[in-house]
Amino acid sequence: MSNAIARRLGVIESKGSMRFADIANVLEVRPETVSRWNNGKAFPHPKTEKQLLELSYIIEQLSELYEPTEARLWMFSRQRLLNNQIPAELIQQDRIDEVLQVVHQLRDGVFL
């Protein structure tokens, strides 16, 4: 039986084409830690869990716009609508709302 964290990791993997190493990079943990979360042998600290849940939500939103590999590239590429910043790095800096705002603009077809 998989746990809720494992299900979220599965969403990030399948819809965002992100490997455990990618997820670990965004969340600033080791890939082995992500693997333990996936196996239910450990659970993220509250701050990291929040970032993981937000990452999962962002990937779900991006999946409405992009194929999984494109969503992954979007996360790790500079984005003009984010003032040429990289979404994954903004998530690391707890600037998730900025990323979400742009994802919603893209999804809704609104470009300011």
C-alpha atoms as a PDB file:
ATOM      1  CA  MET A   1       0.000   0.000   0.000  1.00  0.00           C
ATOM      2  CA  SER A   2       1.444   3.345  -0.954  1.00  0.00           C
ATOM      3  CA  ASN A   3       1.356   6.358   1.300  1.00  0.00           C
ATOM      4  CA  ALA A   4       0.102   9.839   0.414  1.00  0.00           C
ATOM      5  CA  ILE A   5       3.641  11.159  -0.084  1.00  0.00           C
ATOM      6  CA  ALA A   6       4.420   8.266  -2.450  1.00  0.00           C
ATOM      7  CA  ARG A   7       1.299   9.106  -4.455  1.00  0.00           C
ATOM      8  CA  ARG A   8       2.405  12.738  -4.762  1.00  0.00           C
ATOM      9  CA  LEU A   9       5.868  11.623  -5.833  1.00  0.00           C
ATOM     10  CA  GLY A  10       4.207   9.403  -8.430  1.00  0.00           C
ATOM     11  CA  VAL A  11       2.301  12.390  -9.824  1.00  0.00           C
ATOM     12  CA  ILE A  12       5.504  14.412 -10.059  1.00  0.00           C
ATOM     13  CA  GLU A  13       7.257  11.508 -11.800  1.00  0.00           C
ATOM     14  CA  SER A  14       4.495  10.662 -14.243  1.00  0.00           C
ATOM     15  CA  LYS A  15       3.127  14.108 -15.097  1.00  0.00           C
ATOM     16  CA  GLY A  16       6.374  16.039 -14.719  1.00  0.00           C
ATOM     17  CA  SER A  17       8.886  13.456 -15.893  1.00  0.00           C
ATOM     18  CA  MET A  18      10.963  14.286 -12.826  1.00  0.00           C
ATOM     19  CA  ARG A  19      13.281  11.690 -11.343  1.00  0.00           C
ATOM     20  CA  PHE A  20      13.969  11.404  -7.619  1.00  0.00           C
ATOM     21  CA  ALA A  21      17.235  13.288  -8.208  1.00  0.00           C
ATOM     22  CA  ASP A  22      15.270  16.178  -9.769  1.00  0.00           C
ATOM     23  CA  ILE A  23      12.799  16.241  -6.887  1.00  0.00           C
ATOM     24  CA  ALA A  24      15.644  16.080  -4.373  1.00  0.00           C
ATOM     25  CA  ASN A  25      17.347  18.982  -6.138  1.00  0.00           C
ATOM     26  CA  VAL A  26      14.227  21.160  -5.965  1.00  0.00           C
ATOM     27  CA  LEU A  27      13.578  20.277  -2.318  1.00  0.00           C
ATOM     28  CA  GLU A  28      17.259  20.452  -1.358  1.00  0.00           C
ATOM     29  CA  VAL A  29      17.451  16.937   0.037  1.00  0.00           C
ATOM     30  CA  ARG A  30      19.316  13.817  -1.069  1.00  0.00           C
ATOM     31  CA  PRO A  31      17.789  11.448  -3.644  1.00  0.00           C
ATOM     32  CA  GLU A  32      18.021   8.676  -1.035  1.00  0.00           C
ATOM     33  CA  THR A  33      15.750  10.737   1.204  1.00  0.00           C
ATOM     34  CA  VAL A  34      13.130  10.995  -1.552  1.00  0.00           C
ATOM     35  CA  SER A  35      13.414   7.233  -2.028  1.00  0.00           C
ATOM     36  CA  ARG A  36      12.776   6.649   1.692  1.00  0.00           C
ATOM     37  CA  TRP A  37       9.702   8.897   1.512  1.00  0.00           C
ATOM     38  CA  ASN A  38       8.491   6.904  -1.470  1.00  0.00           C
ATOM     39  CA  ASN A  39       8.934   3.630   0.431  1.00  0.00           C
ATOM     40  CA  GLY A  40       7.201   4.966   3.536  1.00  0.00           C
ATOM     41  CA  LYS A  41      10.388   4.582   5.595  1.00  0.00           C
ATOM     42  CA  ALA A  42      10.588   8.300   6.352  1.00  0.00           C
ATOM     43  CA  PHE A  43       8.498  11.412   5.931  1.00  0.00           C
ATOM     44  CA  PRO A  44       9.504  14.954   5.018  1.00  0.00           C
ATOM     45  CA  HIS A  45       9.805  17.710   7.602  1.00  0.00           C
ATOM     46  CA  PRO A  46       6.806  20.086   7.535  1.00  0.00           C
ATOM     47  CA  LYS A  47       8.498  22.807   5.452  1.00  0.00           C
ATOM     48  CA  THR A  48       9.773  20.269   2.936  1.00  0.00           C
ATOM     49  CA  GLU A  49       6.399  18.536   2.864  1.00  0.00           C
ATOM     50  CA  LYS A  50       4.742  21.855   2.000  1.00  0.00           C
ATOM     51  CA  GLN A  51       7.209  22.391  -0.854  1.00  0.00           C
ATOM     52  CA  LEU A  52       6.598  18.833  -2.074  1.00  0.00           C
ATOM     53  CA  LEU A  53       2.836  19.331  -2.069  1.00  0.00           C
ATOM     54  CA  GLU A  54       3.193  22.638  -3.893  1.00  0.00           C
ATOM     55  CA  LEU A  55       5.530  21.049  -6.444  1.00  0.00           C
ATOM     56  CA  SER A  56       2.963  18.311  -7.017  1.00  0.00           C
ATOM     57  CA  TYR A  57       0.216  20.907  -7.511  1.00  0.00           C
ATOM     58  CA  ILE A  58       2.339  22.927  -9.936  1.00  0.00           C
ATOM     59  CA  ILE A  59       3.157  19.803 -11.942  1.00  0.00           C
ATOM     60  CA  GLU A  60      -0.541  18.872 -12.057  1.00  0.00           C
ATOM     61  CA  GLN A  61      -1.337  22.335 -13.412  1.00  0.00           C
ATOM     62  CA  LEU A  62       1.486  22.152 -15.964  1.00  0.00           C
ATOM     63  CA  SER A  63       0.233  18.746 -17.122  1.00  0.00           C
ATOM     64  CA  GLU A  64      -2.817  20.521 -18.545  1.00  0.00           C
ATOM     65  CA  LEU A  65      -0.463  22.475 -20.821  1.00  0.00           C
ATOM     66  CA  TYR A  66       2.545  20.268 -21.461  1.00  0.00           C
ATOM     67  CA  GLU A  67       3.643  16.712 -21.994  1.00  0.00           C
ATOM     68  CA  PRO A  68       5.668  15.371 -19.027  1.00  0.00           C
ATOM     69  CA  THR A  69       9.109  16.031 -20.527  1.00  0.00           C
ATOM     70  CA  GLU A  70       8.035  19.553 -21.503  1.00  0.00           C
ATOM     71  CA  ALA A  71       6.782  20.200 -17.976  1.00  0.00           C
ATOM     72  CA  ARG A  72      10.161  19.092 -16.606  1.00  0.00           C
ATOM     73  CA  LEU A  73      11.990  21.394 -18.985  1.00  0.00           C
ATOM     74  CA  TRP A  74       9.711  24.263 -17.994  1.00  0.00           C
ATOM     75  CA  MET A  75      10.545  23.720 -14.309  1.00  0.00           C
ATOM     76  CA  PHE A  76      14.307  23.873 -14.910  1.00  0.00           C
ATOM     77  CA  SER A  77      14.467  26.584 -17.600  1.00  0.00           C
ATOM     78  CA  ARG A  78      14.490  30.346 -17.301  1.00  0.00           C
ATOM     79  CA  GLN A  79      11.006  31.749 -17.824  1.00  0.00           C
ATOM     80  CA  ARG A  80      10.411  35.179 -19.289  1.00  0.00           C
ATOM     81  CA  LEU A  81       7.173  35.576 -17.305  1.00  0.00           C
ATOM     82  CA  LEU A  82       9.191  34.994 -14.129  1.00  0.00           C
ATOM     83  CA  ASN A  83      11.694  37.731 -14.984  1.00  0.00           C
ATOM     84  CA  ASN A  84      14.026  35.114 -16.494  1.00  0.00           C
ATOM     85  CA  GLN A  85      14.171  33.119 -13.281  1.00  0.00           C
ATOM     86  CA  ILE A  86      14.003  29.334 -12.996  1.00  0.00           C
ATOM     87  CA  PRO A  87      10.783  27.966 -11.428  1.00  0.00           C
ATOM     88  CA  ALA A  88      12.570  25.173  -9.531  1.00  0.00           C
ATOM     89  CA  GLU A  89      14.883  27.725  -7.912  1.00  0.00           C
ATOM     90  CA  LEU A  90      11.945  29.916  -6.916  1.00  0.00           C
ATOM     91  CA  ILE A  91      10.319  26.915  -5.240  1.00  0.00           C
ATOM     92  CA  GLN A  92      13.572  26.353  -3.305  1.00  0.00           C
ATOM     93  CA  GLN A  93      13.378  29.975  -2.142  1.00  0.00           C
ATOM     94  CA  ASP A  94       9.754  29.562  -0.979  1.00  0.00           C
ATOM     95  CA  ARG A  95       8.572  31.860  -3.761  1.00  0.00           C
ATOM     96  CA  ILE A  96       5.933  29.368  -4.815  1.00  0.00           C
ATOM     97  CA  ASP A  97       3.192  31.951  -5.267  1.00  0.00           C
ATOM     98  CA  GLU A  98       5.165  33.623  -8.060  1.00  0.00           C
ATOM     99  CA  VAL A  99       5.445  30.315  -9.902  1.00  0.00           C
ATOM    100  CA  LEU A 100       1.770  29.532  -9.359  1.00  0.00           C
ATOM    101  CA  GLN A 101       0.726  32.927 -10.664  1.00  0.00           C
ATOM    102  CA  VAL A 102       2.596  32.348 -13.932  1.00  0.00           C
ATOM    103  CA  VAL A 103       1.311  28.774 -14.267  1.00  0.00           C
ATOM    104  CA  HIS A 104      -2.242  30.054 -13.839  1.00  0.00           C
ATOM    105  CA  GLN A 105      -1.609  32.799 -16.403  1.00  0.00           C
ATOM    106  CA  LEU A 106      -0.336  30.207 -18.867  1.00  0.00           C
ATOM    107  CA  ARG A 107      -3.239  27.888 -18.173  1.00  0.00           C
ATOM    108  CA  ASP A 108      -5.783  30.692 -18.529  1.00  0.00           C
ATOM    109  CA  GLY A 109      -4.071  32.184 -21.585  1.00  0.00           C
ATOM    110  CA  VAL A 110      -3.434  35.491 -19.805  1.00  0.00           C
ATOM    111  CA  PHE A 111      -0.106  37.156 -20.504  1.00  0.00           C
ATOM    112  CA  LEU A 112       0.661  40.512 -18.903  1.00  0.00           C
END
